[in-house]
Amino acid sequence: MKSTYKPNQKQRSNSEKKPNWFWQILGGEFLIMPKVKNWYPYILLLFVMIGSAVVSEKYIKAKQKIIKEKEIEYKEEITKLKKNNQFIPYEQNQELIQLLEEQGFVKNNEVMYKIVVEK
């Protein structure tokens, strides 16, 4: 039994309509298009670069956390030394070294000072 019903051109075109580009990307249909297959290596490279950026950002944050902890520890130790009068600022330390050298003390390899007696 044949039907004599013929659908309109408008109805036929609506049923054969392509989905818009947003749904093609969201659904992944764009990956099977022939034009996109040539871009596979570049898409893979893009994903690798994004992945390496995420991993390196994680390592950077971990290192920054360690650095902040070390800075806090350093400041606490300096504060303890200042309270006990065992801390000499670098500028004063250099002046003391010059005074010791002028008085005859010489720095040897073991970072100790000794008196050199000349004949």
N, C-alpha and C. Protein backbone atom coordinates (compact mmCIF):
# COMPACT_ATOMS: atom_id res chain seq x y z
N MET A 1 0.83 -1.16 0.00
CA MET A 1 0.00 0.00 0.00
C MET A 1 0.89 1.24 0.00
N LYS A 2 0.68 2.05 -1.01
CA LYS A 2 1.45 3.27 -1.14
C LYS A 2 0.63 4.42 -0.62
N SER A 3 1.37 5.37 -0.09
CA SER A 3 0.71 6.56 0.44
C SER A 3 0.81 7.67 -0.58
N THR A 4 -0.16 8.45 -0.66
CA THR A 4 -0.15 9.58 -1.57
C THR A 4 0.28 10.87 -0.87
N TYR A 5 0.61 10.70 0.39
CA TYR A 5 0.99 11.88 1.18
C TYR A 5 2.40 12.30 0.80
N LYS A 6 2.57 13.57 0.49
CA LYS A 6 3.88 14.13 0.19
C LYS A 6 4.14 15.28 1.16
N PRO A 7 5.20 15.16 1.97
CA PRO A 7 5.48 16.25 2.92
C PRO A 7 5.97 17.50 2.20
N ASN A 8 5.74 18.62 2.82
CA ASN A 8 6.21 19.90 2.26
C ASN A 8 7.73 19.96 2.30
N GLN A 9 8.29 20.82 1.48
CA GLN A 9 9.74 21.01 1.48
C GLN A 9 10.21 21.58 2.82
N LYS A 10 9.38 22.44 3.42
CA LYS A 10 9.75 23.04 4.70
C LYS A 10 9.85 21.98 5.78
N GLN A 11 8.93 21.05 5.82
CA GLN A 11 8.96 19.99 6.82
C GLN A 11 10.16 19.09 6.60
N ARG A 12 10.47 18.80 5.36
CA ARG A 12 11.61 17.94 5.05
C ARG A 12 12.92 18.62 5.48
N SER A 13 13.04 19.92 5.23
CA SER A 13 14.28 20.62 5.57
C SER A 13 14.44 20.76 7.09
N ASN A 14 13.36 20.88 7.83
CA ASN A 14 13.45 20.97 9.29
C ASN A 14 13.96 19.67 9.90
N SER A 15 13.53 18.55 9.36
CA SER A 15 13.96 17.28 9.93
C SER A 15 15.41 16.96 9.57
N GLU A 16 15.92 17.50 8.48
CA GLU A 16 17.29 17.24 8.05
C GLU A 16 18.24 18.36 8.46
N LYS A 17 17.80 19.24 9.31
CA LYS A 17 18.62 20.38 9.72
C LYS A 17 19.83 19.91 10.55
N LYS A 18 20.95 20.54 10.34
CA LYS A 18 22.14 20.25 11.13
C LYS A 18 22.03 20.98 12.47
N PRO A 19 22.56 20.37 13.51
CA PRO A 19 22.60 21.11 14.78
C PRO A 19 23.59 22.26 14.68
N ASN A 20 23.38 23.29 15.48
CA ASN A 20 24.29 24.45 15.39
C ASN A 20 25.68 24.09 15.94
N TRP A 21 26.64 24.96 15.74
CA TRP A 21 28.04 24.69 16.07
C TRP A 21 28.24 24.46 17.57
N PHE A 22 27.44 25.11 18.41
CA PHE A 22 27.59 24.94 19.86
C PHE A 22 27.31 23.49 20.25
N TRP A 23 26.23 22.93 19.70
CA TRP A 23 25.88 21.56 20.06
C TRP A 23 26.83 20.55 19.41
N GLN A 24 27.39 20.91 18.27
CA GLN A 24 28.39 20.03 17.66
C GLN A 24 29.63 19.95 18.53
N ILE A 25 30.07 21.08 19.07
CA ILE A 25 31.25 21.08 19.93
C ILE A 25 30.94 20.40 21.26
N LEU A 26 29.79 20.71 21.84
CA LEU A 26 29.42 20.13 23.12
C LEU A 26 29.22 18.62 23.01
N GLY A 27 28.63 18.18 21.93
CA GLY A 27 28.38 16.75 21.72
C GLY A 27 29.58 16.00 21.19
N GLY A 28 30.59 16.68 20.70
CA GLY A 28 31.77 16.03 20.16
C GLY A 28 31.65 15.64 18.71
N GLU A 29 30.57 16.03 18.06
CA GLU A 29 30.36 15.67 16.65
C GLU A 29 31.40 16.32 15.74
N PHE A 30 31.97 17.43 16.17
CA PHE A 30 32.95 18.12 15.32
C PHE A 30 34.21 17.28 15.15
N LEU A 31 34.48 16.33 16.05
CA LEU A 31 35.70 15.53 15.97
C LEU A 31 35.68 14.53 14.82
N ILE A 32 34.50 14.21 14.29
CA ILE A 32 34.44 13.25 13.18
C ILE A 32 34.33 13.92 11.83
N MET A 33 34.37 15.23 11.81
CA MET A 33 34.34 15.95 10.54
C MET A 33 35.68 15.80 9.83
N PRO A 34 35.69 15.65 8.52
CA PRO A 34 36.96 15.47 7.78
C PRO A 34 37.91 16.66 7.94
N LYS A 35 37.37 17.87 8.01
CA LYS A 35 38.24 19.04 8.14
C LYS A 35 38.97 19.06 9.48
N VAL A 36 38.33 18.54 10.52
CA VAL A 36 38.90 18.59 11.87
C VAL A 36 39.93 17.49 12.07
N LYS A 37 39.82 16.40 11.32
CA LYS A 37 40.77 15.28 11.49
C LYS A 37 42.21 15.72 11.21
N ASN A 38 42.41 16.69 10.35
CA ASN A 38 43.75 17.21 10.08
C ASN A 38 44.32 17.97 11.28
N TRP A 39 43.44 18.41 12.16
CA TRP A 39 43.86 19.20 13.32
C TRP A 39 44.11 18.36 14.57
N TYR A 40 43.97 17.05 14.50
CA TYR A 40 44.16 16.18 15.67
C TYR A 40 45.51 16.40 16.36
N PRO A 41 46.63 16.44 15.63
CA PRO A 41 47.91 16.65 16.33
C PRO A 41 47.96 17.98 17.10
N TYR A 42 47.39 19.01 16.54
CA TYR A 42 47.41 20.31 17.20
C TYR A 42 46.51 20.32 18.44
N ILE A 43 45.38 19.63 18.34
CA ILE A 43 44.48 19.53 19.49
C ILE A 43 45.16 18.75 20.60
N LEU A 44 45.85 17.67 20.24
CA LEU A 44 46.59 16.88 21.23
C LEU A 44 47.69 17.71 21.88
N LEU A 45 48.41 18.46 21.08
CA LEU A 45 49.46 19.34 21.61
C LEU A 45 48.87 20.37 22.56
N LEU A 46 47.73 20.90 22.23
CA LEU A 46 47.06 21.88 23.10
C LEU A 46 46.72 21.26 24.45
N PHE A 47 46.18 20.04 24.44
CA PHE A 47 45.86 19.36 25.69
C PHE A 47 47.11 19.06 26.52
N VAL A 48 48.19 18.68 25.86
CA VAL A 48 49.45 18.41 26.57
C VAL A 48 49.98 19.69 27.22
N MET A 49 49.92 20.80 26.50
CA MET A 49 50.40 22.07 27.04
C MET A 49 49.54 22.52 28.21
N ILE A 50 48.23 22.36 28.11
CA ILE A 50 47.35 22.72 29.22
C ILE A 50 47.64 21.85 30.43
N GLY A 51 47.84 20.57 30.20
CA GLY A 51 48.17 19.65 31.31
C GLY A 51 49.48 20.02 31.98
N SER A 52 50.50 20.34 31.19
CA SER A 52 51.79 20.71 31.79
C SER A 52 51.69 22.04 32.54
N ALA A 53 50.86 22.95 32.07
CA ALA A 53 50.67 24.21 32.78
C ALA A 53 50.00 23.98 34.14
N VAL A 54 49.04 23.09 34.17
CA VAL A 54 48.34 22.79 35.44
C VAL A 54 49.31 22.14 36.42
N VAL A 55 50.10 21.18 35.94
CA VAL A 55 51.05 20.49 36.82
C VAL A 55 52.12 21.45 37.32
N SER A 56 52.66 22.29 36.46
CA SER A 56 53.70 23.22 36.88
C SER A 56 53.15 24.25 37.87
N GLU A 57 51.90 24.65 37.69
CA GLU A 57 51.28 25.59 38.62
C GLU A 57 51.16 24.96 40.00
N LYS A 58 50.87 23.67 40.03
CA LYS A 58 50.78 22.94 41.31
C LYS A 58 52.14 22.94 42.00
N TYR A 59 53.20 22.65 41.25
CA TYR A 59 54.55 22.64 41.84
C TYR A 59 54.97 24.03 42.30
N ILE A 60 54.60 25.04 41.54
CA ILE A 60 54.96 26.41 41.91
C ILE A 60 54.30 26.79 43.23
N LYS A 61 53.03 26.45 43.38
CA LYS A 61 52.33 26.77 44.63
C LYS A 61 52.94 26.02 45.80
N ALA A 62 53.34 24.77 45.60
CA ALA A 62 53.97 23.99 46.67
C ALA A 62 55.30 24.63 47.08
N LYS A 63 56.08 25.06 46.10
CA LYS A 63 57.37 25.69 46.41
C LYS A 63 57.18 27.04 47.10
N GLN A 64 56.18 27.81 46.68
CA GLN A 64 55.91 29.08 47.34
C GLN A 64 55.51 28.87 48.79
N LYS A 65 54.76 27.82 49.05
CA LYS A 65 54.36 27.50 50.43
C LYS A 65 55.59 27.17 51.27
N ILE A 66 56.52 26.39 50.71
CA ILE A 66 57.75 26.04 51.43
C ILE A 66 58.58 27.29 51.70
N ILE A 67 58.67 28.17 50.71
CA ILE A 67 59.45 29.41 50.87
C ILE A 67 58.85 30.27 51.97
N LYS A 68 57.53 30.40 52.02
CA LYS A 68 56.89 31.20 53.07
C LYS A 68 57.16 30.61 54.44
N GLU A 69 57.09 29.27 54.55
CA GLU A 69 57.39 28.62 55.82
C GLU A 69 58.83 28.89 56.26
N LYS A 70 59.76 28.82 55.32
CA LYS A 70 61.18 29.07 55.64
C LYS A 70 61.40 30.53 56.03
N GLU A 71 60.71 31.46 55.38
CA GLU A 71 60.84 32.87 55.74
C GLU A 71 60.34 33.11 57.15
N ILE A 72 59.22 32.49 57.51
CA ILE A 72 58.69 32.65 58.87
C ILE A 72 59.67 32.05 59.88
N GLU A 73 60.21 30.89 59.56
CA GLU A 73 61.19 30.25 60.45
C GLU A 73 62.43 31.12 60.61
N TYR A 74 62.91 31.71 59.51
CA TYR A 74 64.08 32.58 59.55
C TYR A 74 63.82 33.81 60.43
N LYS A 75 62.66 34.44 60.26
CA LYS A 75 62.33 35.62 61.06
C LYS A 75 62.24 35.28 62.54
N GLU A 76 61.69 34.09 62.86
CA GLU A 76 61.61 33.67 64.26
C GLU A 76 63.00 33.48 64.85
N GLU A 77 63.90 32.86 64.10
CA GLU A 77 65.27 32.64 64.59
C GLU A 77 66.01 33.96 64.79
N ILE A 78 65.85 34.89 63.84
CA ILE A 78 66.49 36.21 63.97
C ILE A 78 65.95 36.92 65.21
N THR A 79 64.66 36.82 65.46
CA THR A 79 64.06 37.45 66.64
C THR A 79 64.64 36.85 67.91
N LYS A 80 64.80 35.53 67.95
CA LYS A 80 65.38 34.87 69.13
C LYS A 80 66.82 35.35 69.36
N LEU A 81 67.60 35.44 68.27
CA LEU A 81 68.99 35.88 68.39
C LEU A 81 69.06 37.33 68.86
N LYS A 82 68.18 38.18 68.36
CA LYS A 82 68.18 39.58 68.78
C LYS A 82 67.83 39.71 70.26
N LYS A 83 66.90 38.87 70.73
CA LYS A 83 66.53 38.91 72.15
C LYS A 83 67.69 38.50 73.04
N ASN A 84 68.52 37.58 72.57
CA ASN A 84 69.66 37.10 73.36
C ASN A 84 70.94 37.88 73.06
N ASN A 85 70.85 38.94 72.28
CA ASN A 85 72.01 39.76 71.90
C ASN A 85 73.10 38.94 71.22
N GLN A 86 72.72 38.00 70.41
CA GLN A 86 73.68 37.17 69.67
C GLN A 86 73.63 37.46 68.17
N PHE A 87 72.95 38.48 67.78
CA PHE A 87 72.79 38.80 66.36
C PHE A 87 73.56 40.06 66.04
N ILE A 88 74.40 39.99 65.01
CA ILE A 88 75.14 41.16 64.54
C ILE A 88 74.72 41.40 63.10
N PRO A 89 74.14 42.57 62.80
CA PRO A 89 73.76 42.86 61.42
C PRO A 89 74.96 42.77 60.47
N TYR A 90 74.71 42.51 59.23
CA TYR A 90 75.76 42.28 58.25
C TYR A 90 76.71 43.48 58.12
N GLU A 91 76.16 44.69 58.12
CA GLU A 91 77.02 45.87 57.97
C GLU A 91 77.99 45.99 59.14
N GLN A 92 77.50 45.77 60.34
CA GLN A 92 78.38 45.83 61.51
C GLN A 92 79.38 44.68 61.50
N ASN A 93 78.96 43.53 61.02
CA ASN A 93 79.84 42.38 60.94
C ASN A 93 81.02 42.68 60.02
N GLN A 94 80.80 43.35 58.91
CA GLN A 94 81.88 43.70 58.00
C GLN A 94 82.84 44.70 58.63
N GLU A 95 82.31 45.64 59.40
CA GLU A 95 83.17 46.61 60.10
C GLU A 95 84.03 45.91 61.14
N LEU A 96 83.46 44.94 61.86
CA LEU A 96 84.24 44.18 62.84
C LEU A 96 85.35 43.38 62.17
N ILE A 97 85.07 42.81 61.01
CA ILE A 97 86.11 42.06 60.28
C ILE A 97 87.25 42.98 59.88
N GLN A 98 86.94 44.19 59.41
CA GLN A 98 88.00 45.14 59.03
C GLN A 98 88.82 45.54 60.26
N LEU A 99 88.17 45.79 61.37
CA LEU A 99 88.91 46.14 62.60
C LEU A 99 89.83 45.01 63.05
N LEU A 100 89.35 43.78 62.98
CA LEU A 100 90.18 42.64 63.37
C LEU A 100 91.38 42.51 62.43
N GLU A 101 91.18 42.70 61.14
CA GLU A 101 92.28 42.61 60.19
C GLU A 101 93.30 43.72 60.42
N GLU A 102 92.84 44.92 60.79
CA GLU A 102 93.76 46.02 61.08
C GLU A 102 94.56 45.75 62.34
N GLN A 103 93.99 45.01 63.27
CA GLN A 103 94.69 44.70 64.52
C GLN A 103 95.61 43.50 64.39
N GLY A 104 95.62 42.84 63.25
CA GLY A 104 96.56 41.75 63.04
C GLY A 104 95.92 40.38 62.97
N PHE A 105 94.67 40.31 63.12
CA PHE A 105 94.00 39.02 62.99
C PHE A 105 93.80 38.74 61.50
N VAL A 106 94.11 37.51 61.09
CA VAL A 106 93.99 37.13 59.69
C VAL A 106 93.00 35.97 59.58
N LYS A 107 92.16 36.05 58.58
CA LYS A 107 91.16 35.00 58.37
C LYS A 107 91.82 33.84 57.64
N ASN A 108 91.68 32.62 58.21
CA ASN A 108 92.24 31.46 57.51
C ASN A 108 91.10 30.69 56.84
N ASN A 109 91.42 29.53 56.26
CA ASN A 109 90.42 28.78 55.49
C ASN A 109 89.28 28.24 56.32
N GLU A 110 89.47 28.04 57.61
CA GLU A 110 88.43 27.45 58.44
C GLU A 110 87.52 28.52 59.04
N VAL A 111 87.59 29.73 58.54
CA VAL A 111 86.78 30.85 58.98
C VAL A 111 87.01 31.12 60.46
N MET A 112 88.20 30.92 60.90
CA MET A 112 88.59 31.27 62.27
C MET A 112 89.68 32.33 62.14
N TYR A 113 89.84 33.14 63.16
CA TYR A 113 90.85 34.18 63.12
C TYR A 113 92.04 33.75 63.97
N LYS A 114 93.22 34.07 63.50
CA LYS A 114 94.43 33.76 64.25
C LYS A 114 95.36 34.96 64.15
N ILE A 115 96.25 35.04 65.09
CA ILE A 115 97.22 36.16 65.12
C ILE A 115 98.47 35.70 64.37
N VAL A 116 98.89 36.51 63.40
CA VAL A 116 100.10 36.21 62.65
C VAL A 116 101.21 37.07 63.21
N VAL A 117 102.27 36.43 63.66
CA VAL A 117 103.41 37.15 64.22
C VAL A 117 104.48 37.22 63.14
N GLU A 118 104.87 38.45 62.82
CA GLU A 118 105.89 38.64 61.80
C GLU A 118 107.23 38.88 62.50
N LYS A 119 108.30 38.36 61.96
CA LYS A 119 109.64 38.53 62.55
C LYS A 119 110.28 39.79 62.10
